[in-house]
N, C-alpha and C. Protein backbone atom coordinates (compact mmCIF):
# COMPACT_ATOMS: atom_id res chain seq x y z
N MET A 1 1.05 -1.25 -0.31
CA MET A 1 -0.02 -0.08 0.07
C MET A 1 0.73 1.01 0.00
N SER A 2 0.84 2.49 -0.78
CA SER A 2 1.13 3.41 -0.85
C SER A 2 0.41 4.54 0.52
N LYS A 3 1.03 5.69 0.57
CA LYS A 3 0.73 6.56 1.50
C LYS A 3 -0.65 7.04 1.37
N PRO A 4 -1.58 7.17 2.24
CA PRO A 4 -2.93 7.48 2.17
C PRO A 4 -3.17 8.91 1.44
N LEU A 5 -4.17 9.06 0.46
CA LEU A 5 -4.50 10.09 -0.02
C LEU A 5 -5.54 10.82 1.00
N ILE A 6 -4.92 12.07 1.38
CA ILE A 6 -5.69 13.12 2.66
C ILE A 6 -6.44 14.13 1.96
N ILE A 7 -7.79 14.15 1.97
CA ILE A 7 -8.48 15.35 1.43
C ILE A 7 -9.58 15.86 2.51
N GLU A 8 -9.58 17.29 2.40
CA GLU A 8 -10.30 17.67 3.62
C GLU A 8 -11.20 18.73 2.91
N ILE A 9 -12.57 18.47 2.84
CA ILE A 9 -13.32 19.96 1.94
C ILE A 9 -14.11 20.30 3.32
N PRO A 10 -13.69 21.81 2.99
CA PRO A 10 -14.69 22.66 4.09
C PRO A 10 -16.18 22.46 3.61
N HIS A 11 -16.87 22.92 4.55
CA HIS A 11 -18.54 23.30 4.15
C HIS A 11 -19.00 24.40 5.56
N GLN A 12 -20.23 24.81 5.03
CA GLN A 12 -20.79 25.65 6.01
C GLN A 12 -22.15 24.97 6.29
N LEU A 13 -22.30 23.78 6.11
CA LEU A 13 -23.91 23.25 6.47
C LEU A 13 -24.01 22.49 7.59
N GLY A 14 -23.11 22.54 8.55
CA GLY A 14 -23.54 21.55 9.52
C GLY A 14 -23.27 20.28 9.51
N ARG A 15 -22.76 19.27 10.24
CA ARG A 15 -22.72 17.78 10.00
C ARG A 15 -24.09 17.16 9.42
N GLU A 16 -25.38 17.40 9.99
CA GLU A 16 -26.48 16.85 9.65
C GLU A 16 -26.59 16.91 8.31
N GLU A 17 -26.90 18.17 7.84
CA GLU A 17 -26.84 18.64 6.21
C GLU A 17 -25.85 17.98 5.04
N ALA A 18 -24.73 18.17 5.64
CA ALA A 18 -23.37 17.43 5.03
C ALA A 18 -23.45 16.10 4.59
N ARG A 19 -23.91 15.27 5.70
CA ARG A 19 -24.13 13.77 5.71
C ARG A 19 -24.95 13.60 4.77
N LYS A 20 -26.19 14.57 4.96
CA LYS A 20 -27.61 14.04 3.99
C LYS A 20 -27.40 14.29 2.48
N ARG A 21 -26.24 15.27 2.13
CA ARG A 21 -25.96 15.58 0.68
C ARG A 21 -25.17 14.36 0.28
N LEU A 22 -23.86 14.31 1.11
CA LEU A 22 -23.08 12.87 0.76
C LEU A 22 -23.63 11.70 0.52
N GLU A 23 -24.68 11.52 1.51
CA GLU A 23 -25.45 10.07 1.28
C GLU A 23 -25.99 10.00 -0.29
N THR A 24 -26.75 11.28 -0.56
CA THR A 24 -27.78 11.17 -1.89
C THR A 24 -26.40 11.25 -3.12
N GLY A 25 -25.60 11.93 -2.88
CA GLY A 25 -24.52 12.52 -3.83
C GLY A 25 -23.64 11.21 -3.95
N LEU A 26 -23.24 10.10 -2.85
CA LEU A 26 -22.44 9.17 -3.51
C LEU A 26 -23.61 7.92 -4.43
N GLY A 27 -24.97 8.44 -4.19
CA GLY A 27 -25.48 7.29 -5.21
C GLY A 27 -25.23 7.78 -6.38
N GLN A 28 -25.56 9.54 -6.65
CA GLN A 28 -25.59 9.58 -7.85
C GLN A 28 -24.01 9.31 -8.43
N LEU A 29 -22.86 9.60 -7.60
CA LEU A 29 -21.71 9.07 -8.34
C LEU A 29 -21.61 7.88 -8.94
N LYS A 30 -22.26 6.65 -8.04
CA LYS A 30 -22.20 5.76 -8.56
C LYS A 30 -22.88 5.48 -9.83
N HIS A 31 -24.03 6.12 -10.00
CA HIS A 31 -25.06 5.94 -11.14
C HIS A 31 -24.02 6.53 -12.09
N LYS A 32 -23.39 7.37 -11.95
CA LYS A 32 -22.66 8.49 -13.27
C LYS A 32 -20.97 7.56 -13.23
N PHE A 33 -20.68 7.09 -12.45
CA PHE A 33 -19.00 6.24 -12.74
C PHE A 33 -19.36 5.03 -12.72
N GLY A 34 -20.28 4.38 -12.37
CA GLY A 34 -20.77 3.09 -12.03
C GLY A 34 -20.00 1.73 -12.98
N ALA A 35 -19.70 2.31 -14.27
CA ALA A 35 -18.92 1.57 -15.06
C ALA A 35 -17.42 1.36 -15.03
N HIS A 36 -17.09 2.25 -14.39
CA HIS A 36 -15.50 2.33 -13.92
C HIS A 36 -15.23 1.32 -12.58
N PHE A 37 -16.38 0.76 -11.72
CA PHE A 37 -15.95 -0.17 -10.44
C PHE A 37 -16.99 -0.98 -11.05
N THR A 38 -16.17 -2.24 -10.26
CA THR A 38 -17.08 -3.63 -10.28
C THR A 38 -17.69 -3.64 -9.09
N SER A 39 -17.26 -2.96 -8.10
CA SER A 39 -18.41 -3.19 -6.74
C SER A 39 -17.81 -1.80 -6.12
N VAL A 40 -18.84 -1.45 -5.35
CA VAL A 40 -18.85 -0.43 -4.38
C VAL A 40 -19.61 -1.10 -3.12
N GLU A 41 -19.23 -1.11 -2.17
CA GLU A 41 -19.57 -1.10 -0.52
C GLU A 41 -19.58 -0.09 0.16
N GLU A 42 -20.54 0.38 0.70
CA GLU A 42 -20.76 1.48 1.83
C GLU A 42 -20.97 1.14 3.09
N ARG A 43 -20.55 1.30 4.21
CA ARG A 43 -21.10 1.27 5.80
C ARG A 43 -21.02 2.79 6.21
N TRP A 44 -21.91 2.78 7.01
CA TRP A 44 -22.24 4.15 7.74
C TRP A 44 -22.01 3.90 9.07
N ALA A 45 -21.36 4.40 10.05
CA ALA A 45 -21.53 4.35 11.39
C ALA A 45 -21.36 5.79 11.75
N GLY A 46 -22.51 5.96 12.16
CA GLY A 46 -22.68 7.57 12.92
C GLY A 46 -22.42 8.40 11.59
N ASP A 47 -21.15 9.08 11.90
CA ASP A 47 -21.05 10.09 10.77
C ASP A 47 -19.71 9.70 10.43
N HIS A 48 -19.18 8.40 10.40
CA HIS A 48 -18.06 7.92 9.34
C HIS A 48 -18.57 7.35 8.45
N LEU A 49 -18.06 7.08 7.40
CA LEU A 49 -18.75 6.13 6.19
C LEU A 49 -16.92 5.39 5.95
N ASP A 50 -17.07 3.74 5.75
CA ASP A 50 -15.92 2.74 5.24
C ASP A 50 -16.79 2.55 3.95
N LEU A 51 -15.89 3.13 3.34
CA LEU A 51 -15.97 2.24 1.48
C LEU A 51 -15.31 1.35 1.36
N ALA A 52 -15.51 0.25 0.26
CA ALA A 52 -14.58 -0.67 -0.20
C ALA A 52 -14.88 -0.65 -1.68
N ILE A 53 -14.21 -0.17 -2.79
CA ILE A 53 -14.24 -0.05 -3.87
C ILE A 53 -13.11 -0.96 -4.68
N LYS A 54 -13.92 -1.82 -5.88
CA LYS A 54 -12.90 -2.44 -6.54
C LYS A 54 -13.02 -1.61 -8.00
N ALA A 55 -11.48 -1.05 -8.46
CA ALA A 55 -11.91 -0.29 -9.95
C ALA A 55 -10.48 -0.84 -10.42
N LEU A 56 -10.89 -1.24 -11.87
CA LEU A 56 -9.91 -1.84 -12.96
C LEU A 56 -8.98 -2.80 -12.10
N GLY A 57 -10.13 -3.71 -11.32
CA GLY A 57 -9.38 -4.77 -10.97
C GLY A 57 -8.64 -4.89 -9.40
N GLN A 58 -8.40 -3.32 -8.86
CA GLN A 58 -7.98 -3.27 -7.90
C GLN A 58 -8.30 -2.89 -6.43
N PRO A 59 -8.42 -3.13 -5.49
CA PRO A 59 -9.26 -2.62 -4.24
C PRO A 59 -8.67 -1.45 -3.71
N ILE A 60 -9.75 -0.69 -3.45
CA ILE A 60 -9.30 0.67 -3.02
C ILE A 60 -10.29 0.77 -1.54
N SER A 61 -9.77 1.13 -0.81
CA SER A 61 -10.74 1.58 0.89
C SER A 61 -10.64 3.08 1.04
N ALA A 62 -11.64 3.49 1.60
CA ALA A 62 -11.57 4.89 1.89
C ALA A 62 -12.35 4.88 3.39
N GLY A 63 -12.17 6.26 3.88
CA GLY A 63 -13.05 6.20 5.23
C GLY A 63 -13.29 7.87 5.02
N LEU A 64 -14.24 8.22 5.40
CA LEU A 64 -14.90 9.63 4.93
C LEU A 64 -15.53 10.03 6.39
N ASP A 65 -15.29 11.15 7.39
CA ASP A 65 -15.55 11.50 8.46
C ASP A 65 -16.41 12.66 8.08
N VAL A 66 -17.64 12.95 8.77
CA VAL A 66 -18.13 14.13 8.53
C VAL A 66 -18.19 15.08 9.41
N GLU A 67 -17.56 16.28 9.80
CA GLU A 67 -17.47 17.28 10.90
C GLU A 67 -18.53 17.77 10.61
N GLN A 68 -18.76 19.02 11.44
CA GLN A 68 -19.23 20.05 11.56
C GLN A 68 -19.23 21.09 10.30
N ASP A 69 -17.80 21.26 10.36
CA ASP A 69 -17.33 22.64 8.93
C ASP A 69 -16.56 21.83 7.85
N HIS A 70 -16.27 20.39 7.83
CA HIS A 70 -14.97 20.05 6.98
C HIS A 70 -15.79 18.49 6.53
N VAL A 71 -15.52 18.14 5.52
CA VAL A 71 -15.46 16.25 5.57
C VAL A 71 -13.97 16.20 5.17
N ARG A 72 -13.71 15.01 6.08
CA ARG A 72 -12.05 14.65 5.95
C ARG A 72 -12.21 13.04 5.26
N LEU A 73 -11.21 13.30 4.21
CA LEU A 73 -11.42 11.68 3.24
C LEU A 73 -10.10 11.43 3.36
N GLU A 74 -10.15 9.60 3.53
CA GLU A 74 -8.73 9.17 3.47
C GLU A 74 -8.69 8.38 2.65
N VAL A 75 -8.10 7.62 1.75
CA VAL A 75 -8.12 7.23 0.23
C VAL A 75 -6.82 6.05 0.32
N HIS A 76 -7.04 4.89 0.31
CA HIS A 76 -6.06 4.27 0.44
C HIS A 76 -6.11 3.37 -1.07
N LEU A 77 -5.15 3.90 -1.94
CA LEU A 77 -4.87 3.10 -3.22
C LEU A 77 -3.52 1.95 -3.49
N PRO A 78 -3.91 1.15 -4.13
CA PRO A 78 -2.86 -0.07 -4.26
C PRO A 78 -1.89 0.45 -5.12
N TRP A 79 -0.42 0.09 -5.07
CA TRP A 79 0.42 0.55 -5.62
C TRP A 79 0.31 0.84 -7.00
N MET A 80 -0.29 -0.04 -7.78
CA MET A 80 -0.55 0.27 -9.03
C MET A 80 -1.27 1.54 -9.86
N LEU A 81 -2.40 1.71 -8.73
CA LEU A 81 -3.35 2.77 -8.97
C LEU A 81 -2.50 4.51 -8.19
N ALA A 82 -1.32 3.98 -7.25
CA ALA A 82 -1.00 5.07 -6.49
C ALA A 82 -0.46 6.44 -7.51
N MET A 83 0.05 5.95 -8.74
CA MET A 83 0.44 6.80 -9.63
C MET A 83 -0.75 7.96 -10.24
N LEU A 84 -1.91 7.23 -9.95
CA LEU A 84 -2.81 8.38 -10.13
C LEU A 84 -3.68 9.26 -9.25
N ALA A 85 -2.94 9.13 -7.85
CA ALA A 85 -3.15 9.86 -7.00
C ALA A 85 -3.57 11.52 -7.02
N GLU A 86 -2.49 12.13 -7.55
CA GLU A 86 -2.80 13.47 -7.91
C GLU A 86 -3.78 14.06 -8.46
N LYS A 87 -4.35 13.15 -9.52
CA LYS A 87 -5.36 13.08 -10.67
C LYS A 87 -6.77 13.01 -9.99
N ALA A 88 -6.52 12.05 -8.87
CA ALA A 88 -7.75 11.34 -8.09
C ALA A 88 -8.27 12.44 -7.29
N LYS A 89 -7.00 12.85 -6.39
CA LYS A 89 -7.31 14.08 -5.48
C LYS A 89 -8.02 15.33 -5.96
N GLY A 90 -7.66 15.71 -7.45
CA GLY A 90 -8.29 16.61 -7.67
C GLY A 90 -9.82 16.37 -8.16
N PHE A 91 -10.01 15.44 -8.46
CA PHE A 91 -11.29 15.03 -9.17
C PHE A 91 -12.09 14.95 -7.88
N LEU A 92 -11.84 14.21 -6.70
CA LEU A 92 -12.49 13.95 -5.43
C LEU A 92 -12.89 15.29 -4.86
N SER A 93 -11.55 16.03 -4.75
CA SER A 93 -12.01 17.42 -4.35
C SER A 93 -13.12 18.09 -5.10
N LYS A 94 -12.91 18.45 -6.26
CA LYS A 94 -14.16 18.80 -7.09
C LYS A 94 -15.80 18.24 -6.63
N GLU A 95 -15.59 17.29 -6.86
CA GLU A 95 -16.76 16.43 -6.86
C GLU A 95 -17.15 16.50 -5.15
N GLY A 96 -16.21 16.41 -4.56
CA GLY A 96 -17.00 17.21 -3.04
C GLY A 96 -17.54 18.15 -3.04
N LYS A 97 -16.72 19.18 -3.56
CA LYS A 97 -17.04 20.37 -2.94
C LYS A 97 -18.63 20.95 -3.76
N LEU A 98 -18.42 19.94 -4.90
CA LEU A 98 -19.90 20.15 -5.64
C LEU A 98 -21.19 19.76 -4.51
N LEU A 99 -20.88 18.83 -4.15
CA LEU A 99 -21.68 18.27 -3.50
C LEU A 99 -22.14 18.74 -2.27
N LEU A 100 -20.96 19.46 -1.63
CA LEU A 100 -21.32 20.09 -0.63
C LEU A 100 -21.74 21.81 -0.67
N ASP A 101 -21.80 22.08 -1.70
CA ASP A 101 -21.52 23.74 -1.89
C ASP A 101 -23.27 23.91 -1.11
N LYS A 102 -23.01 24.89 -0.51
CA LYS A 102 -24.45 25.91 -0.58
C LYS A 102 -25.28 26.21 -1.30
N LYS A 103 -26.42 25.65 -1.35
CA LYS A 103 -27.32 25.89 -2.15
C LYS A 103 -28.90 26.76 -2.01
């Protein structure tokens, strides 16, 4: 395993609204990008989400913590996908901000 990819996305929604948007948004993202994943498993425990994803035949694990003013995402990429970490970081930050933008 390579070094984890850590992303913090600030928001002004409060914990409950941020979690609600993430739950809805993850479903939309799975629909939008589902062709790239062979499996996606989600497990919520309070305000923490564990994700297990299989993409390009490789296992990816992630943990997401919803806080009052930010969301912290930690992604563990296998070494074969670690070279895409910077692109992934940009993509995840952008998609996360779109989900959490105040409307």
